[in-house]
């Protein structure tokens, strides 16, 4: 599920990796309304911000090819528009902040 190579996404990390053809990896940004500092619950999986303010995590998977990276989770040309995109239907789901 989350296996090597793990590529840290913070400044000053010591990891030195080169993505190779066939590698599949994820980019998982988090957007927090408060602090970036986190705590993990006793289940060993759930992470929340120390201040308990709302956060959102997004994930994209990429597969490396000879010609570059393929975004496996990219929206399709047939995907309906998102609420902020031109052509979205009035009353479409909007986030509650």
Protein backbone atom coordinates (compact mmCIF):
# COMPACT_ATOMS: atom_id res chain seq x y z
CA UNK A 1 0.00 0.00 0.00
CA UNK A 2 2.61 2.57 1.05
CA UNK A 3 5.89 0.94 0.18
CA UNK A 4 9.43 1.82 -0.80
CA UNK A 5 10.70 3.99 -2.17
CA UNK A 6 9.26 6.56 0.22
CA UNK A 7 10.03 10.04 -1.03
CA UNK A 8 9.82 12.62 1.76
CA UNK A 9 8.09 15.86 0.85
CA UNK A 10 9.70 18.20 3.30
CA UNK A 11 12.72 20.48 3.22
CA UNK A 12 16.06 19.08 4.27
CA UNK A 13 15.26 15.41 3.66
CA UNK A 14 18.18 13.16 2.78
CA UNK A 15 16.40 10.93 0.24
CA UNK A 16 17.98 10.63 -3.19
CA UNK A 17 15.72 8.85 -5.66
CA UNK A 18 15.28 8.70 -9.39
CA UNK A 19 11.89 7.65 -10.68
CA UNK A 20 12.20 4.81 -13.20
CA UNK A 21 9.92 3.40 -15.89
CA UNK A 22 7.24 1.28 -14.22
CA UNK A 23 7.33 3.11 -10.88
CA UNK A 24 3.95 4.23 -9.64
CA UNK A 25 3.72 6.88 -6.95
CA UNK A 26 1.30 9.27 -5.33
CA UNK A 27 1.30 12.96 -4.61
CA UNK A 28 -0.81 13.64 -1.52
CA UNK A 29 -1.06 17.33 -0.63
CA UNK A 30 -2.98 18.43 2.42
CA UNK A 31 -4.64 21.81 2.76
CA UNK A 32 -5.19 22.93 6.35
CA UNK A 33 -7.16 25.89 7.65
CA UNK A 34 -4.97 25.95 10.74
CA UNK A 35 -1.65 24.45 11.73
CA UNK A 36 0.38 21.99 9.67
CA UNK A 37 1.36 20.11 12.85
CA UNK A 38 -0.36 16.75 13.23
CA UNK A 39 -1.12 13.98 15.69
CA UNK A 40 -1.97 10.35 14.99
CA UNK A 41 -4.83 8.53 16.63
CA UNK A 42 -4.38 5.24 18.50
CA UNK A 43 -5.55 3.35 15.37
CA UNK A 44 -2.10 4.06 13.92
CA UNK A 45 -3.57 5.45 10.70
CA UNK A 46 -5.79 8.47 11.28
CA UNK A 47 -3.99 11.81 11.31
CA UNK A 48 -5.52 15.11 12.43
CA UNK A 49 -4.12 18.59 12.91
CA UNK A 50 -3.10 19.49 16.47
CA UNK A 51 -5.57 22.39 16.50
CA UNK A 52 -8.43 20.24 15.16
CA UNK A 53 -9.31 22.67 12.36
CA UNK A 54 -10.64 21.38 9.03
CA UNK A 55 -8.22 19.82 6.54
CA UNK A 56 -8.54 18.20 3.16
CA UNK A 57 -6.26 15.68 1.49
CA UNK A 58 -6.10 15.08 -2.23
CA UNK A 59 -4.29 12.28 -3.97
CA UNK A 60 -3.07 11.66 -7.49
CA UNK A 61 -1.31 8.56 -8.75
CA UNK A 62 1.36 8.77 -11.43
CA UNK A 63 2.89 5.99 -13.51
CA UNK A 64 6.30 6.52 -15.06
CA UNK A 65 6.75 5.73 -18.78
CA UNK A 66 9.68 6.21 -21.15
CA UNK A 67 7.98 9.37 -22.41
CA UNK A 68 7.14 10.82 -18.99
CA UNK A 69 4.50 10.49 -16.27
CA UNK A 70 0.91 9.39 -16.84
CA UNK A 71 -1.56 10.78 -14.30
CA UNK A 72 -3.72 7.75 -13.53
CA UNK A 73 -6.23 9.76 -11.52
CA UNK A 74 -6.66 12.59 -14.06
CA UNK A 75 -10.18 13.68 -14.91
CA UNK A 76 -11.50 12.34 -18.19
CA UNK A 77 -12.71 14.55 -21.04
CA UNK A 78 -16.19 13.16 -20.26
CA UNK A 79 -16.01 14.02 -16.53
CA UNK A 80 -18.67 16.54 -15.45
CA UNK A 81 -17.33 20.03 -14.68
CA UNK A 82 -16.42 20.81 -11.10
CA UNK A 83 -18.37 23.50 -9.27
CA UNK A 84 -15.82 26.22 -10.10
CA UNK A 85 -15.44 25.32 -13.77
CA UNK A 86 -17.28 26.88 -16.66
CA UNK A 87 -20.35 24.87 -17.54
CA UNK A 88 -21.06 23.64 -14.01
CA UNK A 89 -24.76 23.29 -13.27
CA UNK A 90 -26.29 25.79 -10.81
CA UNK A 91 -26.81 24.14 -7.43
CA UNK A 92 -23.98 21.64 -8.00
CA UNK A 93 -22.33 20.47 -4.81
CA UNK A 94 -20.15 23.18 -3.32
CA UNK A 95 -17.80 22.81 -0.38
CA UNK A 96 -18.89 24.01 3.04
CA UNK A 97 -16.14 25.93 4.81
